[in-house]
């Protein structure tokens, strides 16, 4: 392909190799390329190789904030300001390339009581399951979802110690958790177990067929963790997230989760996974609703 111009829309979401290949095709005299994106981690390849080298590469760099978007009304901009918190506010509202650091869910920790409800409002129930290793726990979270995605309610969470437990015992424990959820909140629709454990999932399917034939079992989707975090924090910021008092383990997971200040992959935002926080419960919670991540991520 021979090109005279390329517009890379949301370039920070693209692989570096794709962008390099596209630019290499600009062989027409006077060819130009354009980029746009929301900022991400300051160690992202695009920040390091382009924005930090604007003079060397003869690039015109324009920094916009949300207020520079003249098509947005003040009411809409107000919704966005309420929706984003922490690192996402700095990136999406102020247009800053900043590091994700410190506690992740401070908005929850600082306002914990206002998220609790004794009258959960939902249309259907889904359960996420994350499997633990020998020294950790299996985690389960049931969530109530609205058909219009206006609210997300964590209904019940539980940790099951993995040490010394046979697969068959685990299947029955999961079945007992489902029964408790159904006794308190109504019929469960779908289970989303960690897709990496197909052998365990097959065992769960056999248990479900025997005890709860109305429930479907689907593999977890495993969206990018930073996208799951952004969705959850935006729901908290816009007061569309709620939880019942049957979610003690999830509450503790929110309070203890922090960003990794030394991520395995440069420029990537990660939750710290060193055993000091319960990221397994967070995974299970996110599996319970991430099929509708895009719908829930929209501004209310």
C-alpha atoms as a PDB file:
ATOM      1  CA  UNK A   1       0.000   0.000   0.000  1.00  0.00           C
ATOM      2  CA  UNK A   2       1.301   3.454  -0.965  1.00  0.00           C
ATOM      3  CA  UNK A   3      -0.183   6.303   1.081  1.00  0.00           C
ATOM      4  CA  UNK A   4      -0.207  10.100   1.108  1.00  0.00           C
ATOM      5  CA  UNK A   5      -1.790  10.414   4.557  1.00  0.00           C
ATOM      6  CA  UNK A   6      -3.041   8.499   7.594  1.00  0.00           C
ATOM      7  CA  UNK A   7      -5.283   9.548  10.485  1.00  0.00           C
ATOM      8  CA  UNK A   8      -4.718   7.373  13.555  1.00  0.00           C
ATOM      9  CA  UNK A   9      -7.837   7.776  15.690  1.00  0.00           C
ATOM     10  CA  UNK A  10      -7.206   6.842  19.378  1.00  0.00           C
ATOM     11  CA  UNK A  11      -3.598   5.943  18.587  1.00  0.00           C
ATOM     12  CA  UNK A  12      -2.774   5.083  22.216  1.00  0.00           C
ATOM     13  CA  UNK A  13      -5.036   2.033  21.881  1.00  0.00           C
ATOM     14  CA  UNK A  14      -3.135   0.733  18.835  1.00  0.00           C
ATOM     15  CA  UNK A  15      -0.109  -1.585  18.712  1.00  0.00           C
ATOM     16  CA  UNK A  16       3.138   0.284  18.099  1.00  0.00           C
ATOM     17  CA  UNK A  17       4.020  -2.095  15.252  1.00  0.00           C
ATOM     18  CA  UNK A  18       0.793  -1.205  13.414  1.00  0.00           C
ATOM     19  CA  UNK A  19       1.496   2.532  13.640  1.00  0.00           C
ATOM     20  CA  UNK A  20       5.098   2.082  12.502  1.00  0.00           C
ATOM     21  CA  UNK A  21       3.974   0.001   9.523  1.00  0.00           C
ATOM     22  CA  UNK A  22       1.390   2.618   8.558  1.00  0.00           C
ATOM     23  CA  UNK A  23       3.899   5.471   8.705  1.00  0.00           C
ATOM     24  CA  UNK A  24       6.359   3.424   6.637  1.00  0.00           C
ATOM     25  CA  UNK A  25       3.757   3.388   3.823  1.00  0.00           C
ATOM     26  CA  UNK A  26       3.724   7.217   3.556  1.00  0.00           C
ATOM     27  CA  UNK A  27       5.938   7.340   0.469  1.00  0.00           C
ATOM     28  CA  UNK A  28       4.138  10.077  -1.510  1.00  0.00           C
ATOM     29  CA  UNK A  29       5.932  13.438  -1.589  1.00  0.00           C
ATOM     30  CA  UNK A  30       4.451  15.739   1.063  1.00  0.00           C
ATOM     31  CA  UNK A  31       2.685  12.872   2.885  1.00  0.00           C
ATOM     32  CA  UNK A  32       1.338  13.677   6.358  1.00  0.00           C
ATOM     33  CA  UNK A  33      -0.009  11.796   9.358  1.00  0.00           C
ATOM     34  CA  UNK A  34      -2.329  12.809  12.182  1.00  0.00           C
ATOM     35  CA  UNK A  35      -2.886  11.344  15.647  1.00  0.00           C
ATOM     36  CA  UNK A  36      -5.450  11.823  18.370  1.00  0.00           C
ATOM     37  CA  UNK A  37      -5.904  10.064  21.681  1.00  0.00           C
ATOM     38  CA  UNK A  38      -6.789  10.341  25.322  1.00  0.00           C
ATOM     39  CA  UNK A  39      -3.645  10.234  27.493  1.00  0.00           C
ATOM     40  CA  UNK A  40      -2.595   7.051  29.233  1.00  0.00           C
ATOM     41  CA  UNK A  41       0.436   6.084  31.305  1.00  0.00           C
ATOM     42  CA  UNK A  42       3.377   8.513  30.748  1.00  0.00           C
ATOM     43  CA  UNK A  43       5.610   5.524  29.920  1.00  0.00           C
ATOM     44  CA  UNK A  44       3.323   4.519  27.044  1.00  0.00           C
ATOM     45  CA  UNK A  45       5.228   3.992  23.785  1.00  0.00           C
ATOM     46  CA  UNK A  46       3.365   6.799  21.997  1.00  0.00           C
ATOM     47  CA  UNK A  47       4.227   9.340  24.706  1.00  0.00           C
ATOM     48  CA  UNK A  48       7.893   8.313  24.727  1.00  0.00           C
ATOM     49  CA  UNK A  49       8.409   7.997  20.970  1.00  0.00           C
ATOM     50  CA  UNK A  50       6.272  10.849  19.652  1.00  0.00           C
ATOM     51  CA  UNK A  51       5.069  13.426  22.170  1.00  0.00           C
ATOM     52  CA  UNK A  52       8.437  13.539  23.925  1.00  0.00           C
ATOM     53  CA  UNK A  53      10.182  13.925  20.539  1.00  0.00           C
ATOM     54  CA  UNK A  54       8.069  16.602  18.875  1.00  0.00           C
ATOM     55  CA  UNK A  55      11.043  18.765  17.920  1.00  0.00           C
ATOM     56  CA  UNK A  56      13.163  15.866  16.706  1.00  0.00           C
ATOM     57  CA  UNK A  57      10.303  14.543  14.544  1.00  0.00           C
ATOM     58  CA  UNK A  58       8.929  17.969  13.533  1.00  0.00           C
ATOM     59  CA  UNK A  59       5.518  17.225  15.072  1.00  0.00           C
ATOM     60  CA  UNK A  60       2.850  19.816  15.889  1.00  0.00           C
ATOM     61  CA  UNK A  61       1.468  18.885  19.330  1.00  0.00           C
ATOM     62  CA  UNK A  62      -1.849  20.289  20.550  1.00  0.00           C
ATOM     63  CA  UNK A  63      -3.017  19.672  24.123  1.00  0.00           C
ATOM     64  CA  UNK A  64      -6.773  19.887  24.681  1.00  0.00           C
ATOM     65  CA  UNK A  65      -8.835  19.620  27.834  1.00  0.00           C
ATOM     66  CA  UNK A  66     -12.497  18.667  27.935  1.00  0.00           C
ATOM     67  CA  UNK A  67     -13.443  22.355  28.072  1.00  0.00           C
ATOM     68  CA  UNK A  68     -11.958  22.790  24.585  1.00  0.00           C
ATOM     69  CA  UNK A  69     -14.738  20.636  23.160  1.00  0.00           C
ATOM     70  CA  UNK A  70     -17.230  23.300  22.084  1.00  0.00           C
ATOM     71  CA  UNK A  71     -19.901  20.744  21.165  1.00  0.00           C
ATOM     72  CA  UNK A  72     -20.472  19.758  24.809  1.00  0.00           C
ATOM     73  CA  UNK A  73     -22.990  21.638  26.932  1.00  0.00           C
ATOM     74  CA  UNK A  74     -22.148  22.600  30.504  1.00  0.00           C
ATOM     75  CA  UNK A  75     -24.562  19.936  31.739  1.00  0.00           C
ATOM     76  CA  UNK A  76     -22.796  17.220  29.748  1.00  0.00           C
ATOM     77  CA  UNK A  77     -19.367  18.409  30.879  1.00  0.00           C
ATOM     78  CA  UNK A  78     -20.632  18.384  34.455  1.00  0.00           C
ATOM     79  CA  UNK A  79     -21.674  14.737  34.063  1.00  0.00           C
ATOM     80  CA  UNK A  80     -18.231  13.846  32.769  1.00  0.00           C
ATOM     81  CA  UNK A  81     -16.535  15.633  35.658  1.00  0.00           C
ATOM     82  CA  UNK A  82     -18.657  13.659  38.112  1.00  0.00           C
ATOM     83  CA  UNK A  83     -18.080  10.414  36.249  1.00  0.00           C
ATOM     84  CA  UNK A  84     -14.288  10.350  36.306  1.00  0.00           C
ATOM     85  CA  UNK A  85     -12.128  10.301  39.431  1.00  0.00           C
ATOM     86  CA  UNK A  86      -8.418  10.100  40.205  1.00  0.00           C
ATOM     87  CA  UNK A  87      -6.142   9.186  37.340  1.00  0.00           C
ATOM     88  CA  UNK A  88      -9.075   8.974  34.905  1.00  0.00           C
ATOM     89  CA  UNK A  89     -10.115  12.549  35.710  1.00  0.00           C
ATOM     90  CA  UNK A  90      -6.599  13.810  35.059  1.00  0.00           C
ATOM     91  CA  UNK A  91      -6.363  11.906  31.781  1.00  0.00           C
ATOM     92  CA  UNK A  92      -9.860  12.265  30.300  1.00  0.00           C
ATOM     93  CA  UNK A  93     -10.840  15.714  31.628  1.00  0.00           C
ATOM     94  CA  UNK A  94      -7.505  17.529  31.933  1.00  0.00           C
ATOM     95  CA  UNK A  95      -5.683  15.688  29.143  1.00  0.00           C
ATOM     96  CA  UNK A  96      -2.645  14.808  31.255  1.00  0.00           C
ATOM     97  CA  UNK A  97      -0.281  11.867  30.831  1.00  0.00           C
ATOM     98  CA  UNK A  98      -0.123  10.774  34.461  1.00  0.00           C
ATOM     99  CA  UNK A  99       0.857   7.628  36.315  1.00  0.00           C
ATOM    100  CA  UNK A 100      -1.760   5.449  37.979  1.00  0.00           C
ATOM    101  CA  UNK A 101      -0.523   5.192  41.564  1.00  0.00           C
ATOM    102  CA  UNK A 102      -1.688   4.698  45.129  1.00  0.00           C
ATOM    103  CA  UNK A 103      -5.098   3.409  46.217  1.00  0.00           C
ATOM    104  CA  UNK A 104      -7.460   2.613  43.363  1.00  0.00           C
ATOM    105  CA  UNK A 105     -10.912   2.923  44.917  1.00  0.00           C
ATOM    106  CA  UNK A 106     -10.456   5.914  47.228  1.00  0.00           C
ATOM    107  CA  UNK A 107     -13.862   7.246  46.212  1.00  0.00           C
ATOM    108  CA  UNK A 108     -15.387   4.101  47.743  1.00  0.00           C
ATOM    109  CA  UNK A 109     -13.256   4.142  50.893  1.00  0.00           C
ATOM    110  CA  UNK A 110     -14.025   7.808  51.546  1.00  0.00           C
ATOM    111  CA  UNK A 111     -17.805   7.435  51.076  1.00  0.00           C
ATOM    112  CA  UNK A 112     -18.418   3.806  51.955  1.00  0.00           C
ATOM    113  CA  UNK A 113     -21.769   4.083  53.706  1.00  0.00           C
ATOM    114  CA  UNK A 114     -23.509   5.865  50.847  1.00  0.00           C
ATOM    115  CA  UNK A 115     -23.021   2.866  48.580  1.00  0.00           C
ATOM    116  CA  UNK A 116     -24.811   0.400  50.846  1.00  0.00           C
ATOM    117  CA  UNK A 117     -28.450  -0.418  50.200  1.00  0.00           C
ATOM    118  CA  UNK A 118     -31.063  -2.568  51.938  1.00  0.00           C
ATOM    119  CA  UNK A 119     -33.343  -2.400  48.893  1.00  0.00           C
ATOM    120  CA  UNK A 120     -31.279  -3.430  45.867  1.00  0.00           C
ATOM    121  CA  UNK A 121     -32.749  -2.527  42.489  1.00  0.00           C
ATOM    122  CA  UNK A 122     -31.926  -4.934  39.636  1.00  0.00           C
ATOM    123  CA  UNK A 123     -33.519  -6.916  36.817  1.00  0.00           C
ATOM    124  CA  UNK A 124     -31.277  -9.993  36.619  1.00  0.00           C
ATOM    125  CA  UNK A 125     -28.426 -11.639  38.529  1.00  0.00           C
ATOM    126  CA  UNK A 126     -25.047 -12.868  37.296  1.00  0.00           C
ATOM    127  CA  UNK A 127     -22.196 -14.472  39.243  1.00  0.00           C
ATOM    128  CA  UNK A 128     -18.463 -14.126  38.581  1.00  0.00           C
ATOM    129  CA  UNK A 129     -15.990 -16.759  39.774  1.00  0.00           C
ATOM    130  CA  UNK A 130     -12.206 -16.524  40.049  1.00  0.00           C
ATOM    131  CA  UNK A 131     -10.234 -19.667  40.886  1.00  0.00           C
ATOM    132  CA  UNK A 132      -7.427 -19.568  43.428  1.00  0.00           C
ATOM    133  CA  UNK A 133      -4.243 -21.607  43.734  1.00  0.00           C
ATOM    134  CA  UNK A 134      -3.059 -23.722  46.640  1.00  0.00           C
ATOM    135  CA  UNK A 135      -2.166 -20.714  48.803  1.00  0.00           C
ATOM    136  CA  UNK A 136      -5.112 -18.477  47.899  1.00  0.00           C
ATOM    137  CA  UNK A 137      -8.894 -18.695  47.723  1.00  0.00           C
ATOM    138  CA  UNK A 138     -11.613 -19.199  45.170  1.00  0.00           C
ATOM    139  CA  UNK A 139     -13.782 -16.076  45.022  1.00  0.00           C
ATOM    140  CA  UNK A 140     -17.409 -15.547  44.059  1.00  0.00           C
ATOM    141  CA  UNK A 141     -19.421 -12.363  43.564  1.00  0.00           C
ATOM    142  CA  UNK A 142     -23.099 -12.103  42.617  1.00  0.00           C
ATOM    143  CA  UNK A 143     -24.217  -8.847  40.993  1.00  0.00           C
ATOM    144  CA  UNK A 144     -27.646  -7.454  40.180  1.00  0.00           C
ATOM    145  CA  UNK A 145     -27.839  -5.661  36.826  1.00  0.00           C
ATOM    146  CA  UNK A 146     -30.445  -3.341  35.340  1.00  0.00           C
ATOM    147  CA  UNK A 147     -31.688  -3.870  31.801  1.00  0.00           C
ATOM    148  CA  UNK A 148     -31.012  -0.193  31.048  1.00  0.00           C
ATOM    149  CA  UNK A 149     -27.580  -0.295  32.777  1.00  0.00           C
ATOM    150  CA  UNK A 150     -28.570   2.530  35.124  1.00  0.00           C
ATOM    151  CA  UNK A 151     -27.373   0.686  38.243  1.00  0.00           C
ATOM    152  CA  UNK A 152     -25.012  -2.092  39.231  1.00  0.00           C
ATOM    153  CA  UNK A 153     -25.448  -3.724  42.643  1.00  0.00           C
ATOM    154  CA  UNK A 154     -23.062  -6.192  44.267  1.00  0.00           C
ATOM    155  CA  UNK A 155     -25.404  -8.581  46.097  1.00  0.00           C
ATOM    156  CA  UNK A 156     -23.125 -11.117  47.772  1.00  0.00           C
ATOM    157  CA  UNK A 157     -19.429 -12.036  47.849  1.00  0.00           C
ATOM    158  CA  UNK A 158     -17.549 -14.964  49.327  1.00  0.00           C
ATOM    159  CA  UNK A 159     -14.053 -16.440  49.553  1.00  0.00           C
ATOM    160  CA  UNK A 160     -13.562 -20.218  49.629  1.00  0.00           C
ATOM    161  CA  UNK A 161     -10.104 -21.403  50.849  1.00  0.00           C
ATOM    162  CA  UNK A 162      -8.469 -23.468  48.114  1.00  0.00           C
ATOM    163  CA  UNK A 163      -6.027 -25.404  50.298  1.00  0.00           C
ATOM    164  CA  UNK A 164      -6.968 -29.055  50.724  1.00  0.00           C
ATOM    165  CA  UNK A 165     -10.194 -28.759  48.737  1.00  0.00           C
ATOM    166  CA  UNK A 166     -11.028 -31.283  46.040  1.00  0.00           C
ATOM    167  CA  UNK A 167     -12.659 -30.106  42.804  1.00  0.00           C
ATOM    168  CA  UNK A 168     -15.880 -31.900  43.748  1.00  0.00           C
ATOM    169  CA  UNK A 169     -15.983 -30.085  47.089  1.00  0.00           C
ATOM    170  CA  UNK A 170     -15.456 -26.794  45.255  1.00  0.00           C
ATOM    171  CA  UNK A 171     -18.363 -27.483  42.887  1.00  0.00           C
ATOM    172  CA  UNK A 172     -20.685 -28.111  45.817  1.00  0.00           C
ATOM    173  CA  UNK A 173     -19.485 -24.961  47.617  1.00  0.00           C
ATOM    174  CA  UNK A 174     -20.247 -22.958  44.490  1.00  0.00           C
ATOM    175  CA  UNK A 175     -23.665 -24.569  44.365  1.00  0.00           C
ATOM    176  CA  UNK A 176     -24.257 -23.625  48.012  1.00  0.00           C
ATOM    177  CA  UNK A 177     -23.302 -20.009  47.235  1.00  0.00           C
ATOM    178  CA  UNK A 178     -25.761 -19.937  44.336  1.00  0.00           C
ATOM    179  CA  UNK A 179     -28.483 -21.288  46.602  1.00  0.00           C
ATOM    180  CA  UNK A 180     -27.836 -18.576  49.203  1.00  0.00           C
ATOM    181  CA  UNK A 181     -28.012 -15.889  46.522  1.00  0.00           C
ATOM    182  CA  UNK A 182     -31.266 -17.282  45.142  1.00  0.00           C
ATOM    183  CA  UNK A 183     -32.802 -17.596  48.603  1.00  0.00           C
ATOM    184  CA  UNK A 184     -32.158 -13.914  49.303  1.00  0.00           C
ATOM    185  CA  UNK A 185     -32.318 -12.194  45.927  1.00  0.00           C
ATOM    186  CA  UNK A 186     -34.009 -14.407  43.347  1.00  0.00           C
ATOM    187  CA  UNK A 187     -33.037 -16.535  40.385  1.00  0.00           C
ATOM    188  CA  UNK A 188     -29.474 -16.409  39.018  1.00  0.00           C
ATOM    189  CA  UNK A 189     -29.226 -16.161  35.222  1.00  0.00           C
ATOM    190  CA  UNK A 190     -25.599 -16.801  34.268  1.00  0.00           C
ATOM    191  CA  UNK A 191     -22.266 -17.829  35.802  1.00  0.00           C
ATOM    192  CA  UNK A 192     -19.020 -16.361  34.442  1.00  0.00           C
ATOM    193  CA  UNK A 193     -16.064 -18.433  35.737  1.00  0.00           C
ATOM    194  CA  UNK A 194     -12.420 -17.623  34.948  1.00  0.00           C
ATOM    195  CA  UNK A 195     -11.993 -18.831  31.357  1.00  0.00           C
ATOM    196  CA  UNK A 196      -8.432 -20.067  32.034  1.00  0.00           C
ATOM    197  CA  UNK A 197      -9.710 -23.076  33.997  1.00  0.00           C
ATOM    198  CA  UNK A 198     -11.688 -25.164  31.520  1.00  0.00           C
ATOM    199  CA  UNK A 199     -11.417 -28.401  33.519  1.00  0.00           C
ATOM    200  CA  UNK A 200     -12.999 -26.772  36.567  1.00  0.00           C
ATOM    201  CA  UNK A 201     -15.604 -25.107  34.380  1.00  0.00           C
ATOM    202  CA  UNK A 202     -16.644 -28.492  32.994  1.00  0.00           C
ATOM    203  CA  UNK A 203     -17.133 -29.724  36.559  1.00  0.00           C
ATOM    204  CA  UNK A 204     -19.199 -26.632  37.404  1.00  0.00           C
ATOM    205  CA  UNK A 205     -21.383 -27.253  34.353  1.00  0.00           C
ATOM    206  CA  UNK A 206     -22.111 -30.785  35.549  1.00  0.00           C
ATOM    207  CA  UNK A 207     -23.073 -29.486  39.005  1.00  0.00           C
ATOM    208  CA  UNK A 208     -25.249 -26.749  37.492  1.00  0.00           C
ATOM    209  CA  UNK A 209     -27.040 -29.221  35.247  1.00  0.00           C
ATOM    210  CA  UNK A 210     -27.862 -31.308  38.299  1.00  0.00           C
ATOM    211  CA  UNK A 211     -28.797 -28.572  40.797  1.00  0.00           C
ATOM    212  CA  UNK A 212     -29.700 -25.451  38.776  1.00  0.00           C
ATOM    213  CA  UNK A 213     -30.638 -26.402  35.194  1.00  0.00           C
ATOM    214  CA  UNK A 214     -31.999 -22.897  34.507  1.00  0.00           C
ATOM    215  CA  UNK A 215     -28.547 -21.292  34.904  1.00  0.00           C
ATOM    216  CA  UNK A 216     -26.179 -20.814  31.952  1.00  0.00           C
ATOM    217  CA  UNK A 217     -22.390 -21.076  32.313  1.00  0.00           C
ATOM    218  CA  UNK A 218     -20.240 -18.849  30.098  1.00  0.00           C
ATOM    219  CA  UNK A 219     -16.498 -18.131  30.003  1.00  0.00           C
ATOM    220  CA  UNK A 220     -15.345 -14.874  31.562  1.00  0.00           C
ATOM    221  CA  UNK A 221     -14.482 -12.260  28.958  1.00  0.00           C
ATOM    222  CA  UNK A 222     -11.425 -10.781  30.696  1.00  0.00           C
ATOM    223  CA  UNK A 223     -11.458  -7.234  29.363  1.00  0.00           C
ATOM    224  CA  UNK A 224      -8.394  -5.100  30.063  1.00  0.00           C
ATOM    225  CA  UNK A 225      -8.114  -4.597  33.823  1.00  0.00           C
ATOM    226  CA  UNK A 226      -7.714  -0.831  33.496  1.00  0.00           C
ATOM    227  CA  UNK A 227     -10.996  -0.690  31.543  1.00  0.00           C
ATOM    228  CA  UNK A 228     -12.729  -2.648  34.300  1.00  0.00           C
ATOM    229  CA  UNK A 229     -11.298  -0.313  36.944  1.00  0.00           C
ATOM    230  CA  UNK A 230     -12.361   2.773  34.983  1.00  0.00           C
ATOM    231  CA  UNK A 231     -15.907   1.440  34.632  1.00  0.00           C
ATOM    232  CA  UNK A 232     -16.213   0.592  38.331  1.00  0.00           C
ATOM    233  CA  UNK A 233     -14.816   3.915  39.547  1.00  0.00           C
ATOM    234  CA  UNK A 234     -17.033   5.866  37.138  1.00  0.00           C
ATOM    235  CA  UNK A 235     -20.094   3.984  38.420  1.00  0.00           C
ATOM    236  CA  UNK A 236     -19.041   4.850  41.957  1.00  0.00           C
ATOM    237  CA  UNK A 237     -18.441   8.491  41.047  1.00  0.00           C
ATOM    238  CA  UNK A 238     -21.866   8.825  39.427  1.00  0.00           C
ATOM    239  CA  UNK A 239     -23.552   6.880  42.267  1.00  0.00           C
ATOM    240  CA  UNK A 240     -24.727   4.098  39.988  1.00  0.00           C
ATOM    241  CA  UNK A 241     -22.929   1.433  42.003  1.00  0.00           C
ATOM    242  CA  UNK A 242     -24.422  -0.068  45.170  1.00  0.00           C
ATOM    243  CA  UNK A 243     -23.781  -3.046  47.409  1.00  0.00           C
ATOM    244  CA  UNK A 244     -25.556  -4.988  50.129  1.00  0.00           C
ATOM    245  CA  UNK A 245     -24.160  -5.913  53.526  1.00  0.00           C
ATOM    246  CA  UNK A 246     -23.501  -9.451  52.250  1.00  0.00           C
ATOM    247  CA  UNK A 247     -20.355  -8.207  50.456  1.00  0.00           C
ATOM    248  CA  UNK A 248     -17.753  -7.991  53.213  1.00  0.00           C
ATOM    249  CA  UNK A 249     -14.966  -9.573  51.160  1.00  0.00           C
ATOM    250  CA  UNK A 250     -15.654  -7.233  48.223  1.00  0.00           C
ATOM    251  CA  UNK A 251     -15.622  -4.226  50.546  1.00  0.00           C
ATOM    252  CA  UNK A 252     -12.200  -5.259  51.864  1.00  0.00           C
ATOM    253  CA  UNK A 253     -10.933  -5.821  48.318  1.00  0.00           C
ATOM    254  CA  UNK A 254     -11.958  -2.298  47.282  1.00  0.00           C
ATOM    255  CA  UNK A 255     -10.302  -0.777  50.338  1.00  0.00           C
ATOM    256  CA  UNK A 256      -6.963  -2.554  49.917  1.00  0.00           C
ATOM    257  CA  UNK A 257      -6.440  -2.459  46.139  1.00  0.00           C
ATOM    258  CA  UNK A 258      -3.519  -0.322  44.904  1.00  0.00           C
ATOM    259  CA  UNK A 259      -1.770   0.302  41.607  1.00  0.00           C
ATOM    260  CA  UNK A 260       1.529  -1.442  40.915  1.00  0.00           C
ATOM    261  CA  UNK A 261       4.297   1.176  40.859  1.00  0.00           C
ATOM    262  CA  UNK A 262       6.552  -1.275  39.008  1.00  0.00           C
ATOM    263  CA  UNK A 263       4.338  -2.848  36.328  1.00  0.00           C
ATOM    264  CA  UNK A 264       5.587  -5.898  34.434  1.00  0.00           C
ATOM    265  CA  UNK A 265       4.937  -4.175  31.114  1.00  0.00           C
ATOM    266  CA  UNK A 266       6.222  -0.640  30.609  1.00  0.00           C
ATOM    267  CA  UNK A 267       3.486   1.918  30.150  1.00  0.00           C
ATOM    268  CA  UNK A 268       0.724  -0.404  31.388  1.00  0.00           C
ATOM    269  CA  UNK A 269      -1.531   0.293  34.382  1.00  0.00           C
ATOM    270  CA  UNK A 270      -1.704  -2.719  36.699  1.00  0.00           C
ATOM    271  CA  UNK A 271      -3.234  -3.648  40.035  1.00  0.00           C
ATOM    272  CA  UNK A 272      -0.596  -4.767  42.496  1.00  0.00           C
ATOM    273  CA  UNK A 273      -0.673  -8.561  42.748  1.00  0.00           C
ATOM    274  CA  UNK A 274       1.720  -9.558  45.526  1.00  0.00           C
ATOM    275  CA  UNK A 275      -0.679 -11.149  47.995  1.00  0.00           C
ATOM    276  CA  UNK A 276      -1.204  -7.978  50.041  1.00  0.00           C
ATOM    277  CA  UNK A 277      -4.620  -7.295  48.516  1.00  0.00           C
ATOM    278  CA  UNK A 278      -7.530  -9.407  47.325  1.00  0.00           C
ATOM    279  CA  UNK A 279      -7.499  -8.897  43.577  1.00  0.00           C
ATOM    280  CA  UNK A 280      -9.188 -12.289  43.110  1.00  0.00           C
ATOM    281  CA  UNK A 281     -12.452 -10.953  44.547  1.00  0.00           C
ATOM    282  CA  UNK A 282     -12.145  -7.889  42.299  1.00  0.00           C
ATOM    283  CA  UNK A 283     -11.708 -10.182  39.284  1.00  0.00           C
ATOM    284  CA  UNK A 284     -14.788 -12.190  40.266  1.00  0.00           C
ATOM    285  CA  UNK A 285     -16.804  -8.989  40.702  1.00  0.00           C
ATOM    286  CA  UNK A 286     -15.737  -7.716  37.282  1.00  0.00           C
ATOM    287  CA  UNK A 287     -16.471 -11.062  35.619  1.00  0.00           C
ATOM    288  CA  UNK A 288     -20.027 -10.764  36.945  1.00  0.00           C
ATOM    289  CA  UNK A 289     -20.844  -7.749  34.758  1.00  0.00           C
ATOM    290  CA  UNK A 290     -18.074  -7.240  32.196  1.00  0.00           C
ATOM    291  CA  UNK A 291     -20.163  -8.586  29.316  1.00  0.00           C
ATOM    292  CA  UNK A 292     -21.892  -5.200  29.549  1.00  0.00           C
ATOM    293  CA  UNK A 293     -18.752  -3.176  30.280  1.00  0.00           C
ATOM    294  CA  UNK A 294     -19.261  -0.806  27.345  1.00  0.00           C
ATOM    295  CA  UNK A 295     -22.905  -0.176  28.246  1.00  0.00           C
ATOM    296  CA  UNK A 296     -22.099   0.496  31.895  1.00  0.00           C
ATOM    297  CA  UNK A 297     -19.153   2.712  30.934  1.00  0.00           C
ATOM    298  CA  UNK A 298     -21.408   5.202  29.148  1.00  0.00           C
ATOM    299  CA  UNK A 299     -22.186   8.453  30.917  1.00  0.00           C
ATOM    300  CA  UNK A 300     -25.464   8.379  32.808  1.00  0.00           C
END
